[in-house]
Amino acid sequence: MDCIFCRIVSGEIPSYKIYEDENLIAILDISQSTKGHTLIIAKEHVRNLYELDSKTAAKIFQIVPLLANAIKKAFDPIGMNLLVNVEKPLQSVFHFHIHLIPRYENDGVNMEFANNMNKLSQADYLETLARIKENI
């Protein structure tokens, strides 16, 4: 398997490492959408969120506030996006990772969400609710 994140985790590819423990590594994203853009990468190769087990997820997400607060203290952003891309259309590295993207005034990052939900009827909401709950 030729996974760039596995190669970063193993130390084969250098990175700007912020944090590491037995479950994850946190590095500066090489693209830096904004100053402090950080990737939290599972050490175990897991394709994406669909394949992440709850025990590993708990260990990884336990560190998210620590890193988010470190970024906040370091750069005083006005906010932060936490982003996990799963499959299409945006996942480009198929190894589970979380983006912490600090936000600043006029930073040029555009994450818009269409408000299509106001077009749904109550019956549509109830059907959506039922279908999700059936699968929990």
N, C-alpha and C. Protein backbone atom coordinates (compact mmCIF):
# COMPACT_ATOMS: atom_id res chain seq x y z
N MET A 1 0.85 -1.18 0.00
CA MET A 1 0.00 0.00 0.00
C MET A 1 0.89 1.24 0.00
N ASP A 2 0.56 2.19 -0.84
CA ASP A 2 1.34 3.41 -0.92
C ASP A 2 0.49 4.57 -0.41
N CYS A 3 0.38 4.66 0.91
CA CYS A 3 -0.44 5.69 1.55
C CYS A 3 0.49 6.78 2.09
N ILE A 4 0.29 8.00 1.64
CA ILE A 4 1.16 9.10 2.07
C ILE A 4 1.09 9.32 3.58
N PHE A 5 -0.10 9.15 4.18
CA PHE A 5 -0.21 9.36 5.63
C PHE A 5 0.47 8.24 6.40
N CYS A 6 0.41 6.99 5.90
CA CYS A 6 1.15 5.90 6.55
C CYS A 6 2.64 6.19 6.51
N ARG A 7 3.09 6.75 5.40
CA ARG A 7 4.51 7.08 5.25
C ARG A 7 4.90 8.24 6.18
N ILE A 8 4.00 9.19 6.41
CA ILE A 8 4.26 10.28 7.36
C ILE A 8 4.29 9.71 8.78
N VAL A 9 3.32 8.87 9.12
CA VAL A 9 3.25 8.26 10.45
C VAL A 9 4.53 7.47 10.75
N SER A 10 5.03 6.73 9.76
CA SER A 10 6.24 5.91 9.97
C SER A 10 7.52 6.74 10.00
N GLY A 11 7.44 8.01 9.60
CA GLY A 11 8.62 8.87 9.58
C GLY A 11 9.36 8.82 8.26
N GLU A 12 8.85 8.06 7.31
CA GLU A 12 9.49 7.95 6.00
C GLU A 12 9.42 9.29 5.25
N ILE A 13 8.32 10.02 5.44
CA ILE A 13 8.16 11.35 4.86
C ILE A 13 8.18 12.35 6.01
N PRO A 14 9.02 13.38 5.92
CA PRO A 14 9.06 14.37 7.01
C PRO A 14 7.77 15.19 7.08
N SER A 15 7.49 15.69 8.27
CA SER A 15 6.31 16.52 8.48
C SER A 15 6.60 17.54 9.57
N TYR A 16 5.69 18.49 9.70
CA TYR A 16 5.77 19.48 10.77
C TYR A 16 4.88 18.97 11.90
N LYS A 17 5.47 18.12 12.74
CA LYS A 17 4.72 17.42 13.78
C LYS A 17 4.44 18.32 14.97
N ILE A 18 3.15 18.39 15.34
CA ILE A 18 2.71 19.17 16.48
C ILE A 18 2.56 18.29 17.71
N TYR A 19 2.03 17.08 17.50
CA TYR A 19 1.66 16.21 18.61
C TYR A 19 1.70 14.77 18.12
N GLU A 20 2.03 13.86 19.03
CA GLU A 20 1.99 12.44 18.70
C GLU A 20 1.74 11.64 19.97
N ASP A 21 0.91 10.62 19.85
CA ASP A 21 0.76 9.63 20.91
C ASP A 21 0.60 8.27 20.24
N GLU A 22 0.20 7.26 20.99
CA GLU A 22 0.13 5.91 20.43
C GLU A 22 -0.97 5.74 19.38
N ASN A 23 -1.93 6.66 19.32
CA ASN A 23 -3.08 6.52 18.42
C ASN A 23 -3.05 7.45 17.21
N LEU A 24 -2.36 8.57 17.33
CA LEU A 24 -2.45 9.59 16.28
C LEU A 24 -1.20 10.43 16.19
N ILE A 25 -1.14 11.13 15.09
CA ILE A 25 -0.12 12.14 14.89
C ILE A 25 -0.86 13.39 14.41
N ALA A 26 -0.45 14.55 14.88
CA ALA A 26 -1.01 15.83 14.42
C ALA A 26 0.12 16.61 13.77
N ILE A 27 -0.16 17.07 12.55
CA ILE A 27 0.86 17.79 11.78
C ILE A 27 0.24 19.03 11.15
N LEU A 28 1.09 19.97 10.80
CA LEU A 28 0.62 21.10 10.00
C LEU A 28 0.29 20.60 8.61
N ASP A 29 -0.89 20.96 8.10
CA ASP A 29 -1.24 20.61 6.73
C ASP A 29 -0.27 21.31 5.80
N ILE A 30 0.25 20.58 4.85
CA ILE A 30 1.23 21.15 3.92
C ILE A 30 0.61 22.25 3.07
N SER A 31 -0.72 22.22 2.91
CA SER A 31 -1.41 23.22 2.10
C SER A 31 -1.73 24.50 2.87
N GLN A 32 -1.87 24.45 4.19
CA GLN A 32 -2.18 25.60 5.03
C GLN A 32 -3.27 26.50 4.44
N SER A 33 -4.50 26.01 4.45
CA SER A 33 -5.65 26.82 4.01
C SER A 33 -5.68 28.14 4.78
N THR A 34 -5.37 28.06 6.07
CA THR A 34 -5.20 29.24 6.92
C THR A 34 -4.04 28.94 7.87
N LYS A 35 -3.52 29.96 8.51
CA LYS A 35 -2.39 29.79 9.43
C LYS A 35 -2.79 28.88 10.58
N GLY A 36 -2.07 27.78 10.75
CA GLY A 36 -2.34 26.83 11.82
C GLY A 36 -3.17 25.63 11.39
N HIS A 37 -3.54 25.55 10.11
CA HIS A 37 -4.33 24.42 9.59
C HIS A 37 -3.60 23.12 9.93
N THR A 38 -4.27 22.31 10.73
CA THR A 38 -3.67 21.10 11.29
C THR A 38 -4.43 19.86 10.87
N LEU A 39 -3.70 18.78 10.63
CA LEU A 39 -4.29 17.48 10.35
C LEU A 39 -4.06 16.57 11.55
N ILE A 40 -5.10 15.91 11.98
CA ILE A 40 -5.00 14.89 13.01
C ILE A 40 -5.19 13.56 12.29
N ILE A 41 -4.18 12.73 12.29
CA ILE A 41 -4.16 11.51 11.47
C ILE A 41 -4.10 10.28 12.37
N ALA A 42 -5.01 9.34 12.14
CA ALA A 42 -4.96 8.07 12.85
C ALA A 42 -3.68 7.34 12.47
N LYS A 43 -2.99 6.76 13.45
CA LYS A 43 -1.78 6.00 13.13
C LYS A 43 -2.12 4.71 12.40
N GLU A 44 -3.20 4.07 12.82
CA GLU A 44 -3.64 2.85 12.15
C GLU A 44 -4.27 3.23 10.82
N HIS A 45 -3.94 2.50 9.77
CA HIS A 45 -4.54 2.81 8.47
C HIS A 45 -6.01 2.38 8.48
N VAL A 46 -6.86 3.38 8.48
CA VAL A 46 -8.31 3.19 8.37
C VAL A 46 -8.74 4.10 7.23
N ARG A 47 -9.48 3.55 6.27
CA ARG A 47 -9.81 4.30 5.05
C ARG A 47 -10.50 5.62 5.33
N ASN A 48 -11.51 5.61 6.21
CA ASN A 48 -12.27 6.84 6.48
C ASN A 48 -13.18 6.65 7.68
N LEU A 49 -14.03 7.61 7.93
CA LEU A 49 -14.92 7.61 9.08
C LEU A 49 -15.82 6.39 9.12
N TYR A 50 -16.25 5.91 7.96
CA TYR A 50 -17.11 4.73 7.91
C TYR A 50 -16.43 3.50 8.51
N GLU A 51 -15.13 3.42 8.40
CA GLU A 51 -14.39 2.25 8.87
C GLU A 51 -13.75 2.44 10.23
N LEU A 52 -13.88 3.61 10.81
CA LEU A 52 -13.27 3.93 12.10
C LEU A 52 -14.09 3.30 13.22
N ASP A 53 -13.45 2.50 14.08
CA ASP A 53 -14.18 1.91 15.20
C ASP A 53 -14.34 2.93 16.33
N SER A 54 -15.33 2.72 17.16
CA SER A 54 -15.67 3.72 18.19
C SER A 54 -14.56 3.89 19.22
N LYS A 55 -13.81 2.84 19.52
CA LYS A 55 -12.72 2.95 20.50
C LYS A 55 -11.62 3.87 19.97
N THR A 56 -11.23 3.68 18.72
CA THR A 56 -10.20 4.53 18.10
C THR A 56 -10.72 5.96 17.95
N ALA A 57 -11.99 6.08 17.55
CA ALA A 57 -12.58 7.42 17.41
C ALA A 57 -12.53 8.17 18.73
N ALA A 58 -12.88 7.50 19.82
CA ALA A 58 -12.88 8.15 21.14
C ALA A 58 -11.48 8.64 21.50
N LYS A 59 -10.47 7.83 21.23
CA LYS A 59 -9.10 8.22 21.54
C LYS A 59 -8.65 9.42 20.71
N ILE A 60 -9.02 9.42 19.45
CA ILE A 60 -8.63 10.52 18.57
C ILE A 60 -9.38 11.80 18.94
N PHE A 61 -10.70 11.71 19.07
CA PHE A 61 -11.49 12.91 19.35
C PHE A 61 -11.22 13.47 20.75
N GLN A 62 -10.65 12.67 21.63
CA GLN A 62 -10.27 13.16 22.96
C GLN A 62 -9.19 14.23 22.87
N ILE A 63 -8.37 14.18 21.84
CA ILE A 63 -7.26 15.11 21.67
C ILE A 63 -7.67 16.37 20.91
N VAL A 64 -8.78 16.32 20.19
CA VAL A 64 -9.21 17.46 19.37
C VAL A 64 -9.29 18.76 20.17
N PRO A 65 -9.94 18.80 21.34
CA PRO A 65 -10.00 20.08 22.07
C PRO A 65 -8.62 20.60 22.50
N LEU A 66 -7.72 19.70 22.86
CA LEU A 66 -6.37 20.10 23.25
C LEU A 66 -5.69 20.85 22.10
N LEU A 67 -5.76 20.26 20.90
CA LEU A 67 -5.11 20.87 19.75
C LEU A 67 -5.83 22.14 19.29
N ALA A 68 -7.15 22.12 19.30
CA ALA A 68 -7.92 23.31 18.92
C ALA A 68 -7.60 24.47 19.85
N ASN A 69 -7.51 24.21 21.14
CA ASN A 69 -7.19 25.28 22.09
C ASN A 69 -5.76 25.77 21.95
N ALA A 70 -4.84 24.88 21.59
CA ALA A 70 -3.46 25.31 21.35
C ALA A 70 -3.40 26.26 20.15
N ILE A 71 -4.13 25.92 19.09
CA ILE A 71 -4.19 26.79 17.92
C ILE A 71 -4.83 28.12 18.27
N LYS A 72 -5.90 28.07 19.06
CA LYS A 72 -6.59 29.29 19.48
C LYS A 72 -5.65 30.21 20.26
N LYS A 73 -4.91 29.63 21.21
CA LYS A 73 -3.97 30.43 22.02
C LYS A 73 -2.83 30.98 21.17
N ALA A 74 -2.39 30.20 20.20
CA ALA A 74 -1.24 30.61 19.38
C ALA A 74 -1.58 31.73 18.41
N PHE A 75 -2.79 31.68 17.82
CA PHE A 75 -3.08 32.61 16.71
C PHE A 75 -4.35 33.43 16.88
N ASP A 76 -5.13 33.19 17.91
CA ASP A 76 -6.35 33.95 18.18
C ASP A 76 -7.29 34.04 16.97
N PRO A 77 -7.65 32.90 16.37
CA PRO A 77 -8.60 32.95 15.26
C PRO A 77 -9.98 33.37 15.76
N ILE A 78 -10.83 33.81 14.84
CA ILE A 78 -12.20 34.19 15.22
C ILE A 78 -13.10 32.97 15.36
N GLY A 79 -12.65 31.84 14.85
CA GLY A 79 -13.40 30.59 14.92
C GLY A 79 -12.57 29.47 14.36
N MET A 80 -13.19 28.30 14.23
CA MET A 80 -12.46 27.15 13.70
C MET A 80 -13.45 26.19 13.07
N ASN A 81 -13.04 25.61 11.94
CA ASN A 81 -13.80 24.53 11.32
C ASN A 81 -13.11 23.21 11.64
N LEU A 82 -13.91 22.22 11.99
CA LEU A 82 -13.45 20.86 12.14
C LEU A 82 -14.05 20.10 10.97
N LEU A 83 -13.22 19.48 10.16
CA LEU A 83 -13.69 18.90 8.91
C LEU A 83 -13.16 17.48 8.74
N VAL A 84 -14.07 16.57 8.39
CA VAL A 84 -13.71 15.21 8.02
C VAL A 84 -14.37 14.94 6.67
N ASN A 85 -13.57 14.73 5.65
CA ASN A 85 -14.11 14.39 4.33
C ASN A 85 -14.22 12.87 4.23
N VAL A 86 -15.36 12.40 3.75
CA VAL A 86 -15.60 10.97 3.63
C VAL A 86 -16.02 10.66 2.20
N GLU A 87 -15.15 9.94 1.50
CA GLU A 87 -15.40 9.55 0.12
C GLU A 87 -15.64 10.78 -0.76
N LYS A 88 -16.57 10.67 -1.70
CA LYS A 88 -16.82 11.74 -2.66
C LYS A 88 -17.61 12.86 -2.02
N PRO A 89 -17.40 14.07 -2.42
CA PRO A 89 -16.51 14.49 -3.50
C PRO A 89 -15.14 14.95 -3.03
N LEU A 90 -14.87 15.04 -1.72
CA LEU A 90 -13.66 15.75 -1.29
C LEU A 90 -12.54 14.92 -0.68
N GLN A 91 -12.79 13.67 -0.28
CA GLN A 91 -11.69 12.92 0.33
C GLN A 91 -10.65 12.60 -0.74
N SER A 92 -9.42 13.07 -0.51
CA SER A 92 -8.36 12.84 -1.50
C SER A 92 -7.29 11.89 -0.99
N VAL A 93 -7.13 11.79 0.33
CA VAL A 93 -6.21 10.81 0.92
C VAL A 93 -7.09 9.85 1.71
N PHE A 94 -7.07 8.59 1.32
CA PHE A 94 -7.97 7.61 1.90
C PHE A 94 -7.35 6.93 3.11
N HIS A 95 -7.16 7.77 4.13
CA HIS A 95 -6.63 7.38 5.44
C HIS A 95 -7.29 8.36 6.39
N PHE A 96 -7.98 7.87 7.43
CA PHE A 96 -8.78 8.76 8.28
C PHE A 96 -7.94 9.89 8.85
N HIS A 97 -8.48 11.11 8.70
CA HIS A 97 -7.85 12.29 9.27
C HIS A 97 -8.91 13.39 9.48
N ILE A 98 -8.60 14.27 10.39
CA ILE A 98 -9.45 15.40 10.73
C ILE A 98 -8.68 16.68 10.41
N HIS A 99 -9.36 17.63 9.79
CA HIS A 99 -8.78 18.95 9.56
C HIS A 99 -9.24 19.88 10.67
N LEU A 100 -8.32 20.60 11.30
CA LEU A 100 -8.65 21.73 12.16
C LEU A 100 -8.24 22.97 11.36
N ILE A 101 -9.23 23.76 10.98
CA ILE A 101 -8.96 24.92 10.13
C ILE A 101 -9.33 26.19 10.89
N PRO A 102 -8.33 26.89 11.44
CA PRO A 102 -8.61 28.15 12.12
C PRO A 102 -9.16 29.15 11.12
N ARG A 103 -10.09 29.97 11.58
CA ARG A 103 -10.71 30.95 10.69
C ARG A 103 -10.36 32.36 11.14
N TYR A 104 -10.13 33.21 10.16
CA TYR A 104 -9.74 34.60 10.39
C TYR A 104 -10.61 35.50 9.51
N GLU A 105 -10.72 36.76 9.88
CA GLU A 105 -11.46 37.72 9.06
C GLU A 105 -10.88 37.71 7.64
N ASN A 106 -11.75 37.66 6.66
CA ASN A 106 -11.36 37.72 5.25
C ASN A 106 -10.26 36.72 4.88
N ASP A 107 -10.36 35.48 5.40
CA ASP A 107 -9.32 34.50 5.14
C ASP A 107 -9.45 33.82 3.77
N GLY A 108 -10.52 34.08 3.06
CA GLY A 108 -10.68 33.52 1.72
C GLY A 108 -11.17 32.09 1.68
N VAL A 109 -11.35 31.46 2.83
CA VAL A 109 -11.85 30.09 2.86
C VAL A 109 -13.37 30.15 2.76
N ASN A 110 -13.91 29.41 1.82
CA ASN A 110 -15.35 29.45 1.58
C ASN A 110 -15.95 28.07 1.83
N MET A 111 -16.74 27.95 2.87
CA MET A 111 -17.43 26.70 3.18
C MET A 111 -18.91 27.02 3.29
N GLU A 112 -19.57 27.07 2.17
CA GLU A 112 -20.99 27.41 2.17
C GLU A 112 -21.83 26.14 2.10
N PHE A 113 -22.93 26.16 2.79
CA PHE A 113 -23.87 25.04 2.78
C PHE A 113 -25.20 25.55 2.27
N ALA A 114 -25.72 24.90 1.25
CA ALA A 114 -27.01 25.28 0.70
C ALA A 114 -28.11 24.97 1.70
N ASN A 115 -29.06 25.86 1.84
CA ASN A 115 -30.17 25.66 2.76
C ASN A 115 -31.35 25.05 2.01
N ASN A 116 -31.23 23.77 1.70
CA ASN A 116 -32.29 23.08 0.98
C ASN A 116 -33.33 22.47 1.91
N MET A 117 -33.02 22.44 3.19
CA MET A 117 -33.91 21.77 4.14
C MET A 117 -35.23 22.51 4.32
N ASN A 118 -35.26 23.81 4.06
CA ASN A 118 -36.51 24.55 4.23
C ASN A 118 -37.56 24.14 3.19
N LYS A 119 -37.17 23.32 2.23
CA LYS A 119 -38.10 22.84 1.22
C LYS A 119 -38.77 21.53 1.62
N LEU A 120 -38.35 20.96 2.75
CA LEU A 120 -38.90 19.68 3.19
C LEU A 120 -40.19 19.87 3.97
N SER A 121 -41.09 18.95 3.79
CA SER A 121 -42.33 18.95 4.58
C SER A 121 -42.06 18.23 5.90
N GLN A 122 -42.98 18.33 6.82
CA GLN A 122 -42.84 17.62 8.08
C GLN A 122 -42.77 16.12 7.83
N ALA A 123 -43.53 15.62 6.86
CA ALA A 123 -43.50 14.20 6.52
C ALA A 123 -42.10 13.79 6.04
N ASP A 124 -41.45 14.67 5.27
CA ASP A 124 -40.08 14.39 4.81
C ASP A 124 -39.11 14.30 5.98
N TYR A 125 -39.24 15.24 6.93
CA TYR A 125 -38.39 15.20 8.12
C TYR A 125 -38.61 13.91 8.89
N LEU A 126 -39.86 13.53 9.08
CA LEU A 126 -40.18 12.33 9.85
C LEU A 126 -39.67 11.07 9.15
N GLU A 127 -39.76 11.03 7.83
CA GLU A 127 -39.23 9.88 7.09
C GLU A 127 -37.71 9.81 7.22
N THR A 128 -37.05 10.96 7.09
CA THR A 128 -35.60 11.01 7.23
C THR A 128 -35.19 10.55 8.63
N LEU A 129 -35.87 11.06 9.63
CA LEU A 129 -35.60 10.69 11.01
C LEU A 129 -35.75 9.18 11.21
N ALA A 130 -36.84 8.63 10.74
CA ALA A 130 -37.12 7.20 10.91
C ALA A 130 -36.07 6.34 10.22
N ARG A 131 -35.68 6.70 9.02
CA ARG A 131 -34.71 5.89 8.28
C ARG A 131 -33.34 5.87 8.95
N ILE A 132 -32.93 7.02 9.50
CA ILE A 132 -31.64 7.06 10.20
C ILE A 132 -31.74 6.24 11.48
N LYS A 133 -32.80 6.44 12.25
CA LYS A 133 -32.93 5.73 13.53
C LYS A 133 -33.02 4.22 13.34
N GLU A 134 -33.60 3.76 12.26
CA GLU A 134 -33.67 2.33 11.96
C GLU A 134 -32.29 1.70 11.83
N ASN A 135 -31.32 2.50 11.47
CA ASN A 135 -29.99 1.99 11.18
C ASN A 135 -28.98 2.23 12.29
N ILE A 136 -29.44 2.70 13.42
CA ILE A 136 -28.53 2.91 14.56
C ILE A 136 -28.37 1.59 15.31
